[in-house]
């Protein structure tokens, strides 16, 4: 079986799962800010939780393209469920790549089972894009590391048992630390009230003299910033896939609606301006897919261009998600503005993809830096 056939077959399987087990409760998850437990159960049935991780930990050791396809197909019907799926992958990546074997054995099998999640902890109250300016500190003490600080907009809080925290250990050096929700000095703030992605709980985490064992530092404690930069080259394609899935879902909803709706005695899909909008939406979605898959290929090959292409894909896919979901609302007219139709939810979910994982303004600066080689 060729690689392309493997990817195509996997896409069909995830799509069937998404349409049969996830799509039906997406609106309730959004309306009630309800954690998508049924989606997690569906993920377990197909062993998606362990998709990126080594087989020795119970994972599938799937390539980045398969991970992208999974996120894309889940996001096509429910953005929140896609977020719940891939955030643990992002959080555990520094550990999987750079951590000790003992620490991996301690944590990864639990995440692979899908009984709890993991969270990625970078952003702070003072900002998110300026990682070198973060304030959270880690001090080496007898018996381990003492962490103090506050992380903001942390996804999957409460459901997550493990939190990958980037903390300053000196004026110039940073470490990545694996903090457990039962560690003394760890606490969770109030849940945020969000525009979109309402099924994934978001809140601050507080570290108040949080003492963790020395073994919980990932790799070299002075290389945490480097580890996170490498991790972002991997996670940005996943964020891009989520945005692409939202765009694809909204495009399909718009085509379905305009094919059935009649005005002035004919189907709305026959009007030239509607066709022009749908054509532009389709071109944007397919262009985004090509850009994303190119970025995935480069990341899989450890190509030096991977970071820049990840930024290009993140920017293009998220801008496409925002424009396509907005146009889908427009094509559905008054109905598009109503919660009875999923395009309204998709538009709200799409917005954050332009903000998180490095704003699109920051991504453009990274692309320009790559082009100028400065």
Protein backbone atom coordinates (compact mmCIF):
# COMPACT_ATOMS: atom_id res chain seq x y z
CA UNK A 1 0.00 0.00 0.00
CA UNK A 2 1.46 3.37 -1.03
CA UNK A 3 1.98 6.19 1.46
CA UNK A 4 -0.69 8.29 -0.24
CA UNK A 5 -3.15 5.44 -0.03
CA UNK A 6 -2.40 5.05 3.68
CA UNK A 7 -3.12 8.75 4.22
CA UNK A 8 -6.29 8.65 2.13
CA UNK A 9 -7.63 5.60 3.96
CA UNK A 10 -6.80 7.14 7.33
CA UNK A 11 -8.66 10.32 6.33
CA UNK A 12 -11.75 8.29 5.46
CA UNK A 13 -11.64 6.52 8.83
CA UNK A 14 -11.29 9.74 10.83
CA UNK A 15 -14.01 11.43 8.78
CA UNK A 16 -16.42 8.58 9.47
CA UNK A 17 -15.60 8.80 13.17
CA UNK A 18 -16.05 12.59 13.21
CA UNK A 19 -19.38 12.49 11.40
CA UNK A 20 -20.82 9.61 13.40
CA UNK A 21 -19.47 10.28 16.91
CA UNK A 22 -18.51 13.98 17.15
CA UNK A 23 -20.59 16.16 14.82
CA UNK A 24 -23.91 15.55 16.56
CA UNK A 25 -22.84 17.08 19.88
CA UNK A 26 -20.64 19.92 18.57
CA UNK A 27 -23.38 22.53 18.99
CA UNK A 28 -24.10 21.50 22.59
CA UNK A 29 -20.38 21.57 23.43
CA UNK A 30 -20.28 25.15 22.16
CA UNK A 31 -23.58 26.36 23.63
CA UNK A 32 -22.93 25.02 27.11
CA UNK A 33 -19.13 25.42 27.19
CA UNK A 34 -19.17 21.70 27.79
CA UNK A 35 -16.03 19.58 27.72
CA UNK A 36 -16.43 17.15 24.76
CA UNK A 37 -16.31 13.87 26.69
CA UNK A 38 -17.99 12.01 23.84
CA UNK A 39 -15.27 13.16 21.47
CA UNK A 40 -12.58 11.89 23.83
CA UNK A 41 -14.36 8.53 23.95
CA UNK A 42 -14.38 8.53 20.14
CA UNK A 43 -10.66 9.33 20.05
CA UNK A 44 -9.97 6.39 22.33
CA UNK A 45 -11.94 4.03 20.10
CA UNK A 46 -9.57 4.82 17.22
CA UNK A 47 -6.48 5.24 19.44
CA UNK A 48 -5.98 8.81 18.24
CA UNK A 49 -4.71 10.11 21.59
CA UNK A 50 -1.41 8.29 21.11
CA UNK A 51 -1.02 9.03 17.41
CA UNK A 52 2.36 10.86 17.55
CA UNK A 53 4.02 8.87 20.31
CA UNK A 54 6.41 5.89 20.15
CA UNK A 55 4.95 2.40 20.10
CA UNK A 56 6.90 1.45 23.23
CA UNK A 57 4.64 3.85 25.16
CA UNK A 58 1.48 2.50 23.56
CA UNK A 59 1.37 5.08 20.75
CA UNK A 60 1.12 4.72 16.99
CA UNK A 61 4.30 6.61 16.04
CA UNK A 62 2.38 8.21 13.15
CA UNK A 63 4.04 10.74 10.89
CA UNK A 64 3.16 14.44 11.02
CA UNK A 65 0.92 14.17 7.95
CA UNK A 66 -1.35 11.64 9.65
CA UNK A 67 -1.56 13.88 12.71
CA UNK A 68 -2.51 16.83 10.49
CA UNK A 69 -5.19 14.79 8.75
CA UNK A 70 -6.70 13.73 12.09
CA UNK A 71 -6.87 17.32 13.37
CA UNK A 72 -8.21 18.60 10.05
CA UNK A 73 -11.03 16.06 9.89
CA UNK A 74 -12.10 16.53 13.51
CA UNK A 75 -12.02 20.34 13.17
CA UNK A 76 -14.20 20.05 10.07
CA UNK A 77 -17.11 19.22 12.40
CA UNK A 78 -15.96 20.55 15.82
CA UNK A 79 -13.12 22.98 16.46
CA UNK A 80 -13.15 22.43 20.23
CA UNK A 81 -12.78 18.66 19.86
CA UNK A 82 -9.82 19.13 17.54
CA UNK A 83 -8.18 21.37 20.14
CA UNK A 84 -8.74 18.83 22.89
CA UNK A 85 -7.10 16.22 20.67
CA UNK A 86 -3.89 17.98 19.69
CA UNK A 87 -3.02 20.13 22.71
CA UNK A 88 -1.67 17.08 24.63
CA UNK A 89 0.46 16.23 21.60
CA UNK A 90 1.96 19.72 21.69
CA UNK A 91 2.50 19.65 25.45
CA UNK A 92 4.26 16.29 25.47
CA UNK A 93 6.43 16.91 22.39
CA UNK A 94 9.37 18.53 24.28
CA UNK A 95 9.35 15.58 26.67
CA UNK A 96 9.11 13.01 23.86
CA UNK A 97 11.99 14.61 21.97
CA UNK A 98 14.34 15.73 24.73
CA UNK A 99 13.32 14.17 28.06
CA UNK A 100 14.86 11.29 29.98
CA UNK A 101 13.58 7.79 29.37
CA UNK A 102 12.34 7.52 32.97
CA UNK A 103 10.32 10.73 32.69
CA UNK A 104 8.84 9.61 29.40
CA UNK A 105 7.82 6.28 30.91
CA UNK A 106 6.26 8.12 33.82
CA UNK A 107 4.06 10.41 31.73
CA UNK A 108 3.53 9.44 28.09
CA UNK A 109 1.63 6.14 28.57
CA UNK A 110 -0.96 7.97 30.68
CA UNK A 111 -1.53 10.56 27.92
CA UNK A 112 -1.66 7.88 25.22
CA UNK A 113 -4.57 6.17 27.01
CA UNK A 114 -6.59 9.39 26.76
CA UNK A 115 -7.82 9.24 30.34
CA UNK A 116 -6.42 12.72 30.95
CA UNK A 117 -4.72 15.40 28.92
CA UNK A 118 -1.64 17.60 29.03
CA UNK A 119 -1.28 21.35 28.55
CA UNK A 120 1.28 23.61 26.91
CA UNK A 121 2.18 26.55 29.20
CA UNK A 122 3.96 29.45 27.50
CA UNK A 123 1.79 32.60 27.59
CA UNK A 124 1.79 34.84 30.67
CA UNK A 125 -0.32 37.84 31.77
CA UNK A 126 2.32 40.17 30.33
CA UNK A 127 2.20 38.66 26.84
CA UNK A 128 2.53 35.57 24.71
CA UNK A 129 4.61 36.32 21.63
CA UNK A 130 7.57 37.67 23.64
CA UNK A 131 8.76 34.38 25.12
CA UNK A 132 12.19 35.72 26.14
CA UNK A 133 10.37 38.23 28.35
CA UNK A 134 8.49 35.68 30.43
CA UNK A 135 8.58 36.06 34.23
CA UNK A 136 7.83 32.57 35.56
CA UNK A 137 10.93 31.35 37.38
CA UNK A 138 12.42 28.01 38.35
CA UNK A 139 15.03 27.88 41.09
CA UNK A 140 17.19 24.87 41.86
CA UNK A 141 16.79 23.90 45.54
CA UNK A 142 17.44 20.88 47.69
CA UNK A 143 15.12 18.14 46.49
CA UNK A 144 14.24 19.62 43.10
CA UNK A 145 13.05 22.82 41.48
CA UNK A 146 10.91 25.59 42.98
CA UNK A 147 8.59 27.24 40.45
CA UNK A 148 6.87 30.59 40.83
CA UNK A 149 4.74 32.44 38.34
CA UNK A 150 1.49 32.55 36.40
CA UNK A 151 0.64 31.17 32.96
CA UNK A 152 -2.32 32.53 31.02
CA UNK A 153 -4.85 31.14 28.49
CA UNK A 154 -3.93 27.54 29.19
CA UNK A 155 -6.04 25.08 27.18
CA UNK A 156 -7.60 21.90 28.59
CA UNK A 157 -7.08 22.94 32.23
CA UNK A 158 -8.71 20.60 34.68
CA UNK A 159 -8.80 17.71 32.23
CA UNK A 160 -5.02 17.86 31.94
CA UNK A 161 -2.98 16.04 34.54
CA UNK A 162 0.38 17.30 33.24
CA UNK A 163 1.52 20.83 32.37
CA UNK A 164 4.67 21.55 30.33
CA UNK A 165 5.90 24.86 31.77
CA UNK A 166 8.58 27.08 30.24
CA UNK A 167 10.32 28.91 33.11
CA UNK A 168 13.34 31.17 33.52
CA UNK A 169 16.30 29.69 35.42
CA UNK A 170 18.64 32.67 34.91
CA UNK A 171 18.76 35.99 33.09
CA UNK A 172 19.29 34.23 29.76
CA UNK A 173 18.41 30.58 30.26
CA UNK A 174 15.09 28.74 30.36
CA UNK A 175 13.97 25.23 31.20
CA UNK A 176 10.93 23.09 30.43
CA UNK A 177 9.39 21.52 33.54
CA UNK A 178 6.68 18.87 33.80
CA UNK A 179 4.26 19.92 36.54
CA UNK A 180 1.47 17.67 37.80
CA UNK A 181 -1.89 19.04 38.89
CA UNK A 182 -1.42 17.43 42.33
CA UNK A 183 1.92 19.12 43.00
CA UNK A 184 1.87 21.41 46.06
CA UNK A 185 1.70 25.06 45.06
CA UNK A 186 -0.12 24.36 41.78
CA UNK A 187 -3.59 25.88 41.30
CA UNK A 188 -6.01 26.81 38.53
CA UNK A 189 -7.70 30.19 38.13
CA UNK A 190 -11.24 30.96 37.02
CA UNK A 191 -12.38 29.62 33.67
CA UNK A 192 -12.35 32.16 30.86
CA UNK A 193 -15.55 33.11 29.02
CA UNK A 194 -14.55 32.83 25.37
CA UNK A 195 -15.84 33.82 21.95
CA UNK A 196 -15.06 30.42 20.47
CA UNK A 197 -13.43 27.05 21.17
CA UNK A 198 -15.81 26.96 24.12
CA UNK A 199 -15.56 23.20 24.64
CA UNK A 200 -11.91 23.37 25.68
CA UNK A 201 -11.64 24.83 29.20
CA UNK A 202 -9.20 27.74 29.40
CA UNK A 203 -7.78 29.37 32.53
CA UNK A 204 -4.61 30.58 34.22
CA UNK A 205 -2.41 28.25 36.17
CA UNK A 206 -0.61 29.56 39.24
CA UNK A 207 2.68 28.28 40.59
CA UNK A 208 3.22 29.42 44.16
CA UNK A 209 6.43 27.89 45.53
CA UNK A 210 5.54 24.80 43.50
CA UNK A 211 8.19 22.21 44.32
CA UNK A 212 8.77 19.45 41.79
CA UNK A 213 11.41 16.69 41.78
CA UNK A 214 14.67 17.30 39.96
CA UNK A 215 13.77 14.50 37.55
CA UNK A 216 10.87 16.53 36.15
CA UNK A 217 13.06 18.92 34.16
CA UNK A 218 13.08 18.08 30.45
CA UNK A 219 16.57 17.43 29.12
CA UNK A 220 19.13 20.15 29.69
CA UNK A 221 17.52 22.78 31.98
CA UNK A 222 19.35 25.53 30.10
CA UNK A 223 17.94 24.61 26.69
CA UNK A 224 14.24 25.03 27.33
CA UNK A 225 13.83 27.97 24.95
CA UNK A 226 15.53 26.03 22.17
CA UNK A 227 13.30 23.02 22.87
CA UNK A 228 10.17 25.14 22.66
CA UNK A 229 11.25 26.78 19.39
CA UNK A 230 11.72 23.35 17.84
CA UNK A 231 8.38 22.24 19.25
CA UNK A 232 6.57 25.23 17.71
CA UNK A 233 7.83 24.22 14.27
CA UNK A 234 5.88 21.01 14.84
CA UNK A 235 2.80 22.45 16.57
CA UNK A 236 2.14 25.28 14.12
CA UNK A 237 1.18 22.81 11.38
CA UNK A 238 -1.32 21.27 13.82
CA UNK A 239 -2.87 24.69 14.52
CA UNK A 240 -2.90 25.23 10.75
CA UNK A 241 -4.71 21.92 10.27
CA UNK A 242 -7.36 22.93 12.78
CA UNK A 243 -7.92 26.21 10.91
CA UNK A 244 -8.02 24.38 7.58
CA UNK A 245 -10.59 21.93 8.93
CA UNK A 246 -12.83 24.78 10.05
CA UNK A 247 -12.55 26.39 6.61
CA UNK A 248 -13.35 23.10 4.87
CA UNK A 249 -16.36 22.49 7.08
CA UNK A 250 -17.71 26.00 6.48
CA UNK A 251 -17.19 25.70 2.72
CA UNK A 252 -19.14 22.44 2.61
CA UNK A 253 -21.97 23.93 4.66
CA UNK A 254 -22.16 26.92 2.31
CA UNK A 255 -22.26 24.69 -0.78
CA UNK A 256 -24.95 22.48 0.75
CA UNK A 257 -27.14 25.43 1.75
CA UNK A 258 -26.84 27.36 -1.52
CA UNK A 259 -27.54 24.17 -3.50
CA UNK A 260 -30.89 23.73 -1.74
CA UNK A 261 -32.05 27.30 -1.06
CA UNK A 262 -34.18 28.95 -3.76
CA UNK A 263 -34.69 32.64 -4.48
CA UNK A 264 -36.43 34.29 -7.47
CA UNK A 265 -37.46 30.88 -8.70
CA UNK A 266 -34.05 29.23 -8.86
CA UNK A 267 -31.39 27.74 -6.65
CA UNK A 268 -29.12 30.28 -4.99
CA UNK A 269 -26.13 28.31 -6.28
CA UNK A 270 -27.03 29.41 -9.81
CA UNK A 271 -26.39 33.10 -9.11
CA UNK A 272 -23.11 34.29 -10.57
CA UNK A 273 -21.94 36.27 -7.53
CA UNK A 274 -22.57 33.28 -5.26
CA UNK A 275 -20.56 31.08 -7.60
CA UNK A 276 -17.75 33.61 -7.58
CA UNK A 277 -17.65 33.59 -3.76
CA UNK A 278 -17.66 29.81 -3.59
CA UNK A 279 -14.88 29.65 -6.19
CA UNK A 280 -12.73 32.07 -4.18
CA UNK A 281 -13.40 30.11 -0.97
CA UNK A 282 -12.43 26.85 -2.67
CA UNK A 283 -9.23 28.31 -4.11
CA UNK A 284 -8.25 29.62 -0.67
CA UNK A 285 -8.93 26.27 1.04
CA UNK A 286 -7.03 24.21 -1.52
CA UNK A 287 -4.11 26.68 -1.57
CA UNK A 288 -3.97 26.50 2.21
CA UNK A 289 -3.92 22.71 2.09
CA UNK A 290 -1.01 22.73 -0.37
CA UNK A 291 0.94 25.19 1.78
CA UNK A 292 0.32 23.17 4.93
CA UNK A 293 1.30 19.85 3.39
CA UNK A 294 4.48 21.43 2.02
CA UNK A 295 5.33 22.65 5.54
CA UNK A 296 4.66 19.14 6.91
CA UNK A 297 6.97 17.56 4.35
CA UNK A 298 9.78 19.95 5.27
CA UNK A 299 9.25 19.38 9.00
CA UNK A 300 9.29 15.61 8.46
CA UNK A 301 12.59 15.91 6.58
CA UNK A 302 14.11 18.19 9.28
CA UNK A 303 14.69 20.73 6.53
CA UNK A 304 16.17 24.09 7.58
CA UNK A 305 13.23 25.83 5.90
CA UNK A 306 10.67 24.06 8.08
CA UNK A 307 10.27 26.84 10.65
CA UNK A 308 9.60 29.52 8.03
CA UNK A 309 7.17 27.32 6.12
CA UNK A 310 5.36 26.45 9.36
CA UNK A 311 4.86 30.18 9.90
CA UNK A 312 3.65 30.63 6.32
CA UNK A 313 1.18 27.77 6.70
CA UNK A 314 -0.09 29.01 10.06
CA UNK A 315 -0.66 32.49 8.67
CA UNK A 316 -2.28 31.41 5.42
CA UNK A 317 -4.48 28.69 6.87
CA UNK A 318 -5.78 30.84 9.73
CA UNK A 319 -6.43 33.84 7.49
CA UNK A 320 -8.27 31.48 5.13
CA UNK A 321 -10.31 30.06 8.01
CA UNK A 322 -11.41 33.55 9.03
CA UNK A 323 -12.30 34.67 5.51
CA UNK A 324 -14.02 31.44 4.44
CA UNK A 325 -16.11 31.09 7.60
CA UNK A 326 -17.14 34.76 7.32
CA UNK A 327 -18.14 34.27 3.69
CA UNK A 328 -20.05 31.12 4.64
CA UNK A 329 -22.10 33.13 7.13
CA UNK A 330 -22.75 35.68 4.37
CA UNK A 331 -23.88 32.99 1.92
CA UNK A 332 -26.37 31.61 4.42
CA UNK A 333 -27.80 35.10 4.90
CA UNK A 334 -29.85 35.56 8.06
CA UNK A 335 -29.64 31.85 8.80
CA UNK A 336 -25.85 32.08 8.89
CA UNK A 337 -26.17 34.42 11.86
CA UNK A 338 -28.23 31.90 13.81
CA UNK A 339 -26.85 29.26 16.15
CA UNK A 340 -29.01 26.64 14.45
CA UNK A 341 -26.42 26.56 11.66
CA UNK A 342 -22.79 25.56 12.33
CA UNK A 343 -21.13 28.31 10.26
CA UNK A 344 -21.79 30.84 13.04
CA UNK A 345 -19.83 28.62 15.47
CA UNK A 346 -17.11 27.97 12.91
CA UNK A 347 -16.57 31.69 12.37
CA UNK A 348 -16.16 32.29 16.10
CA UNK A 349 -13.86 29.29 16.45
CA UNK A 350 -11.72 30.43 13.51
CA UNK A 351 -10.79 33.81 14.96
CA UNK A 352 -8.42 32.53 17.62
CA UNK A 353 -6.35 30.67 15.03
CA UNK A 354 -5.02 34.06 13.90
CA UNK A 355 -3.98 34.89 17.46
CA UNK A 356 -2.58 31.88 19.28
CA UNK A 357 0.63 29.94 18.62
CA UNK A 358 2.19 33.28 17.72
CA UNK A 359 -0.03 35.97 16.21
CA UNK A 360 -0.10 36.23 12.44
CA UNK A 361 1.78 39.52 12.72
CA UNK A 362 4.63 37.67 14.46
CA UNK A 363 4.47 34.91 11.83
CA UNK A 364 4.90 37.48 9.07
CA UNK A 365 7.97 38.88 10.81
CA UNK A 366 9.43 35.36 10.99
CA UNK A 367 8.79 34.82 7.29
CA UNK A 368 10.42 38.17 6.44
CA UNK A 369 13.41 37.30 8.64
CA UNK A 370 13.79 34.03 6.73
CA UNK A 371 13.64 35.82 3.38
CA UNK A 372 16.18 38.47 4.38
CA UNK A 373 18.32 35.93 6.27
CA UNK A 374 18.83 38.39 9.12
